Amino acid sequence: MDDKTKGLIATLATTVLCGLPGLLMLCMGGIFAVAGMIPGAEIDVFGSSDPGSAIAMGLGMLCVSIIFIAIPVVVGLKTLRRKEEI
């Protein structure tokens, strides 16, 4: 296999294994953060009914999801870019 094929396979693999779970985590983190701000909402985050824990968990998931989404982008840019000839 040539380098272009290996780069494409690496990009697709990281997209499936990191990018898609990152998008799901992005959606869930946003939902948790917004649900923590709704007054009177029934919140259960690992046995805690504190809205602050839901907001903290949602913001944490948002931060981690951004990293997960960035991994396929970096892999794609590193493996699929053209090499400069000297």
C-alpha atoms as a PDB file:
ATOM      1  CA  MET A   1       0.000   0.000   0.000  1.00  0.00           C
ATOM      2  CA  ASP A   2       1.172   3.489  -0.727  1.00  0.00           C
ATOM      3  CA  ASP A   3       1.180   6.365   1.748  1.00  0.00           C
ATOM      4  CA  LYS A   4      -2.013   7.895   0.356  1.00  0.00           C
ATOM      5  CA  THR A   5      -3.997   4.693   0.974  1.00  0.00           C
ATOM      6  CA  LYS A   6      -2.606   4.322   4.502  1.00  0.00           C
ATOM      7  CA  GLY A   7      -3.500   7.933   5.227  1.00  0.00           C
ATOM      8  CA  LEU A   8      -7.035   7.458   3.964  1.00  0.00           C
ATOM      9  CA  ILE A   9      -7.508   4.316   6.068  1.00  0.00           C
ATOM     10  CA  ALA A  10      -6.126   6.097   9.158  1.00  0.00           C
ATOM     11  CA  THR A  11      -8.425   9.057   8.581  1.00  0.00           C
ATOM     12  CA  LEU A  12     -11.501   6.870   8.147  1.00  0.00           C
ATOM     13  CA  ALA A  13     -10.633   4.782  11.209  1.00  0.00           C
ATOM     14  CA  THR A  14     -10.146   7.818  13.432  1.00  0.00           C
ATOM     15  CA  THR A  15     -13.346   9.349  12.095  1.00  0.00           C
ATOM     16  CA  VAL A  16     -15.351   6.266  13.033  1.00  0.00           C
ATOM     17  CA  LEU A  17     -13.583   5.621  16.348  1.00  0.00           C
ATOM     18  CA  CYS A  18     -13.102   9.229  17.553  1.00  0.00           C
ATOM     19  CA  GLY A  19     -15.121  11.645  15.433  1.00  0.00           C
ATOM     20  CA  LEU A  20     -18.539  10.022  15.646  1.00  0.00           C
ATOM     21  CA  PRO A  21     -18.382   9.374  19.418  1.00  0.00           C
ATOM     22  CA  GLY A  22     -17.155  12.955  19.776  1.00  0.00           C
ATOM     23  CA  LEU A  23     -20.225  14.266  17.961  1.00  0.00           C
ATOM     24  CA  LEU A  24     -22.508  12.148  20.151  1.00  0.00           C
ATOM     25  CA  MET A  25     -20.713  13.391  23.268  1.00  0.00           C
ATOM     26  CA  LEU A  26     -21.041  16.973  21.998  1.00  0.00           C
ATOM     27  CA  CYS A  27     -24.819  16.585  21.724  1.00  0.00           C
ATOM     28  CA  MET A  28     -25.162  14.862  25.093  1.00  0.00           C
ATOM     29  CA  GLY A  29     -22.932  17.411  26.833  1.00  0.00           C
ATOM     30  CA  GLY A  30     -25.032  20.245  25.480  1.00  0.00           C
ATOM     31  CA  ILE A  31     -28.221  18.535  26.616  1.00  0.00           C
ATOM     32  CA  PHE A  32     -26.817  17.955  30.123  1.00  0.00           C
ATOM     33  CA  ALA A  33     -25.612  21.553  30.421  1.00  0.00           C
ATOM     34  CA  VAL A  34     -28.955  22.977  29.290  1.00  0.00           C
ATOM     35  CA  ALA A  35     -30.961  20.550  31.459  1.00  0.00           C
ATOM     36  CA  GLY A  36     -28.996  21.694  34.497  1.00  0.00           C
ATOM     37  CA  MET A  37     -30.126  25.270  33.883  1.00  0.00           C
ATOM     38  CA  ILE A  38     -33.847  24.481  33.644  1.00  0.00           C
ATOM     39  CA  PRO A  39     -35.574  25.348  36.934  1.00  0.00           C
ATOM     40  CA  GLY A  40     -37.543  22.484  38.464  1.00  0.00           C
ATOM     41  CA  ALA A  41     -36.011  19.817  36.222  1.00  0.00           C
ATOM     42  CA  GLU A  42     -35.639  16.346  37.711  1.00  0.00           C
ATOM     43  CA  ILE A  43     -31.896  15.772  37.511  1.00  0.00           C
ATOM     44  CA  ASP A  44     -30.142  12.536  38.436  1.00  0.00           C
ATOM     45  CA  VAL A  45     -26.410  12.557  37.787  1.00  0.00           C
ATOM     46  CA  PHE A  46     -24.967   9.450  39.426  1.00  0.00           C
ATOM     47  CA  GLY A  47     -27.362   9.793  42.361  1.00  0.00           C
ATOM     48  CA  SER A  48     -26.939  13.553  42.773  1.00  0.00           C
ATOM     49  CA  SER A  49     -29.857  15.892  42.152  1.00  0.00           C
ATOM     50  CA  ASP A  50     -27.672  19.019  42.200  1.00  0.00           C
ATOM     51  CA  PRO A  51     -28.038  21.083  38.991  1.00  0.00           C
ATOM     52  CA  GLY A  52     -24.400  22.166  39.303  1.00  0.00           C
ATOM     53  CA  SER A  53     -23.238  18.585  38.811  1.00  0.00           C
ATOM     54  CA  ALA A  54     -25.262  18.289  35.600  1.00  0.00           C
ATOM     55  CA  ILE A  55     -23.813  21.546  34.302  1.00  0.00           C
ATOM     56  CA  ALA A  56     -20.264  20.510  35.234  1.00  0.00           C
ATOM     57  CA  MET A  57     -20.698  17.107  33.607  1.00  0.00           C
ATOM     58  CA  GLY A  58     -22.128  18.721  30.469  1.00  0.00           C
ATOM     59  CA  LEU A  59     -19.294  21.236  30.179  1.00  0.00           C
ATOM     60  CA  GLY A  60     -16.726  18.498  30.786  1.00  0.00           C
ATOM     61  CA  MET A  61     -18.272  16.395  28.040  1.00  0.00           C
ATOM     62  CA  LEU A  62     -18.207  19.387  25.689  1.00  0.00           C
ATOM     63  CA  CYS A  63     -14.479  19.901  26.296  1.00  0.00           C
ATOM     64  CA  VAL A  64     -13.627  16.223  25.801  1.00  0.00           C
ATOM     65  CA  SER A  65     -15.790  16.023  22.677  1.00  0.00           C
ATOM     66  CA  ILE A  66     -13.880  18.894  21.065  1.00  0.00           C
ATOM     67  CA  ILE A  67     -10.663  16.921  21.559  1.00  0.00           C
ATOM     68  CA  PHE A  68     -12.279  13.779  20.112  1.00  0.00           C
ATOM     69  CA  ILE A  69     -13.490  15.716  17.059  1.00  0.00           C
ATOM     70  CA  ALA A  70     -10.070  17.320  16.536  1.00  0.00           C
ATOM     71  CA  ILE A  71      -8.233  13.965  16.392  1.00  0.00           C
ATOM     72  CA  PRO A  72      -9.527  12.910  12.910  1.00  0.00           C
ATOM     73  CA  VAL A  73      -8.907  16.419  11.587  1.00  0.00           C
ATOM     74  CA  VAL A  74      -5.276  16.356  12.717  1.00  0.00           C
ATOM     75  CA  VAL A  75      -4.753  12.801  11.431  1.00  0.00           C
ATOM     76  CA  GLY A  76      -6.269  13.743   8.077  1.00  0.00           C
ATOM     77  CA  LEU A  77      -4.127  16.843   7.734  1.00  0.00           C
ATOM     78  CA  LYS A  78      -0.946  15.004   8.722  1.00  0.00           C
ATOM     79  CA  THR A  79      -1.446  11.929   6.537  1.00  0.00           C
ATOM     80  CA  LEU A  80      -3.157  13.326   3.444  1.00  0.00           C
ATOM     81  CA  ARG A  81      -1.137  16.485   2.864  1.00  0.00           C
ATOM     82  CA  ARG A  82       1.274  16.624  -0.022  1.00  0.00           C
ATOM     83  CA  LYS A  83       4.922  16.201   0.770  1.00  0.00           C
ATOM     84  CA  GLU A  84       7.130  19.017  -0.467  1.00  0.00           C
ATOM     85  CA  GLU A  85       9.753  17.843  -2.902  1.00  0.00           C
ATOM     86  CA  ILE A  86      13.254  19.150  -2.326  1.00  0.00           C
END
